[in-house]
Amino acid sequence: MPKAVTHAGATSADSHVLHDQAQLHAIVTRLKRAHGQMGAVVRMLEEGRSCEDVITQMAAVNKAINTAAFTLISSSLKECIIDPEINSEDVTTKLQKLFLSLA
């Protein structure tokens, strides 16, 4: 099994890279939307919009990012359960820690 590259560039056999292209596309689309919404937040602040309007937009950004993260974790867990070559116990433990970091 090929080793996955971690965030620091090191490799780890118990890391996971999502392979489900449909889920990857959905996650990327959601994050691009959140990126655009974040730009709108900055413009709103620069334009002197009300706190209520800005916070509403910030809440939308937050929800989009969290939904993308939860989707990534749940899709990765699904792949780990299905793939017999993956050390699912180790990867599941790591993904659970990531899940808890979002809570």
Protein backbone atom coordinates (compact mmCIF):
# COMPACT_ATOMS: atom_id res chain seq x y z
CA MET A 1 0.00 0.00 0.00
CA PRO A 2 1.44 3.44 -0.88
CA LYS A 3 2.14 5.74 1.99
CA ALA A 4 0.12 8.93 2.30
CA VAL A 5 1.83 12.30 2.60
CA THR A 6 0.98 14.07 5.84
CA HIS A 7 0.61 17.81 6.36
CA ALA A 8 4.29 18.17 7.25
CA GLY A 9 5.40 16.29 4.13
CA ALA A 10 6.28 13.11 6.04
CA THR A 11 4.64 9.84 5.09
CA SER A 12 2.46 7.66 7.22
CA ALA A 13 0.91 4.31 6.40
CA ASP A 14 -2.03 5.03 8.72
CA SER A 15 -3.03 8.33 7.10
CA HIS A 16 -5.83 8.46 4.59
CA VAL A 17 -6.38 10.35 1.36
CA LEU A 18 -9.97 10.49 0.13
CA HIS A 19 -10.41 8.75 -3.23
CA ASP A 20 -14.17 9.18 -3.75
CA GLN A 21 -14.18 11.69 -6.62
CA ALA A 22 -17.84 12.64 -6.16
CA GLN A 23 -17.27 13.49 -2.50
CA LEU A 24 -14.04 15.32 -3.31
CA HIS A 25 -15.89 17.40 -5.89
CA ALA A 26 -18.67 18.21 -3.41
CA ILE A 27 -16.15 19.21 -0.72
CA VAL A 28 -14.12 21.39 -3.09
CA THR A 29 -17.30 23.05 -4.40
CA ARG A 30 -18.46 23.81 -0.86
CA LEU A 31 -15.05 25.24 0.08
CA LYS A 32 -14.93 27.42 -3.03
CA ARG A 33 -18.37 28.76 -2.10
CA ALA A 34 -17.12 29.45 1.44
CA HIS A 35 -14.09 31.21 -0.02
CA GLY A 36 -16.39 33.51 -1.97
CA GLN A 37 -18.54 34.10 1.10
CA MET A 38 -15.44 35.04 3.09
CA GLY A 39 -14.57 37.63 0.47
CA ALA A 40 -18.09 38.99 0.87
CA VAL A 41 -17.53 39.28 4.64
CA VAL A 42 -14.42 41.38 4.08
CA ARG A 43 -16.25 43.63 1.58
CA MET A 44 -19.18 44.00 3.97
CA LEU A 45 -16.85 45.14 6.75
CA GLU A 46 -15.06 47.56 4.44
CA GLU A 47 -18.42 48.96 3.30
CA GLY A 48 -19.59 49.50 6.87
CA ARG A 49 -22.46 46.99 6.77
CA SER A 50 -24.36 46.18 9.95
CA CYS A 51 -22.95 43.73 12.47
CA GLU A 52 -26.04 41.57 12.01
CA ASP A 53 -25.45 41.26 8.26
CA VAL A 54 -21.75 40.51 8.72
CA ILE A 55 -22.32 37.92 11.43
CA THR A 56 -25.02 36.22 9.35
CA GLN A 57 -22.56 35.91 6.48
CA MET A 58 -19.79 34.71 8.82
CA ALA A 59 -22.12 32.03 10.19
CA ALA A 60 -22.73 30.83 6.62
CA VAL A 61 -18.98 30.60 6.02
CA ASN A 62 -18.50 28.70 9.27
CA LYS A 63 -21.27 26.24 8.43
CA ALA A 64 -19.90 25.63 4.93
CA ILE A 65 -16.40 24.94 6.24
CA ASN A 66 -17.62 22.66 9.02
CA THR A 67 -19.88 20.75 6.64
CA ALA A 68 -16.95 20.23 4.26
CA ALA A 69 -14.77 18.99 7.13
CA PHE A 70 -17.41 16.61 8.45
CA THR A 71 -18.05 15.32 4.93
CA LEU A 72 -14.33 14.68 4.45
CA ILE A 73 -14.08 12.79 7.73
CA SER A 74 -17.22 10.71 7.20
CA SER A 75 -16.26 9.85 3.61
CA SER A 76 -12.78 8.86 4.73
CA LEU A 77 -14.19 6.66 7.49
CA LYS A 78 -16.42 4.95 4.94
CA GLU A 79 -13.47 4.23 2.67
CA CYS A 80 -11.41 2.91 5.59
CA ILE A 81 -14.15 0.52 6.61
CA ILE A 82 -14.54 -0.80 3.05
CA ASP A 83 -10.84 -1.13 2.08
CA PRO A 84 -9.29 -4.27 3.60
CA GLU A 85 -5.74 -3.04 2.90
CA ILE A 86 -6.10 -0.05 5.22
CA ASN A 87 -5.27 -0.36 8.89
CA SER A 88 -8.77 0.88 9.66
CA GLU A 89 -8.27 0.91 13.43
CA ASP A 90 -5.37 3.37 13.28
CA VAL A 91 -6.95 5.56 10.61
CA THR A 92 -10.30 5.54 12.41
CA THR A 93 -8.60 6.68 15.62
CA LYS A 94 -6.94 9.56 13.77
CA LEU A 95 -10.17 10.54 12.02
CA GLN A 96 -12.07 10.45 15.33
CA LYS A 97 -9.51 12.87 16.78
CA LEU A 98 -10.00 15.14 13.78
CA PHE A 99 -13.76 14.94 14.23
CA LEU A 100 -13.44 15.92 17.89
CA SER A 101 -11.17 18.83 16.97
CA LEU A 102 -14.14 20.30 15.07
CA ALA A 103 -16.59 19.91 17.93
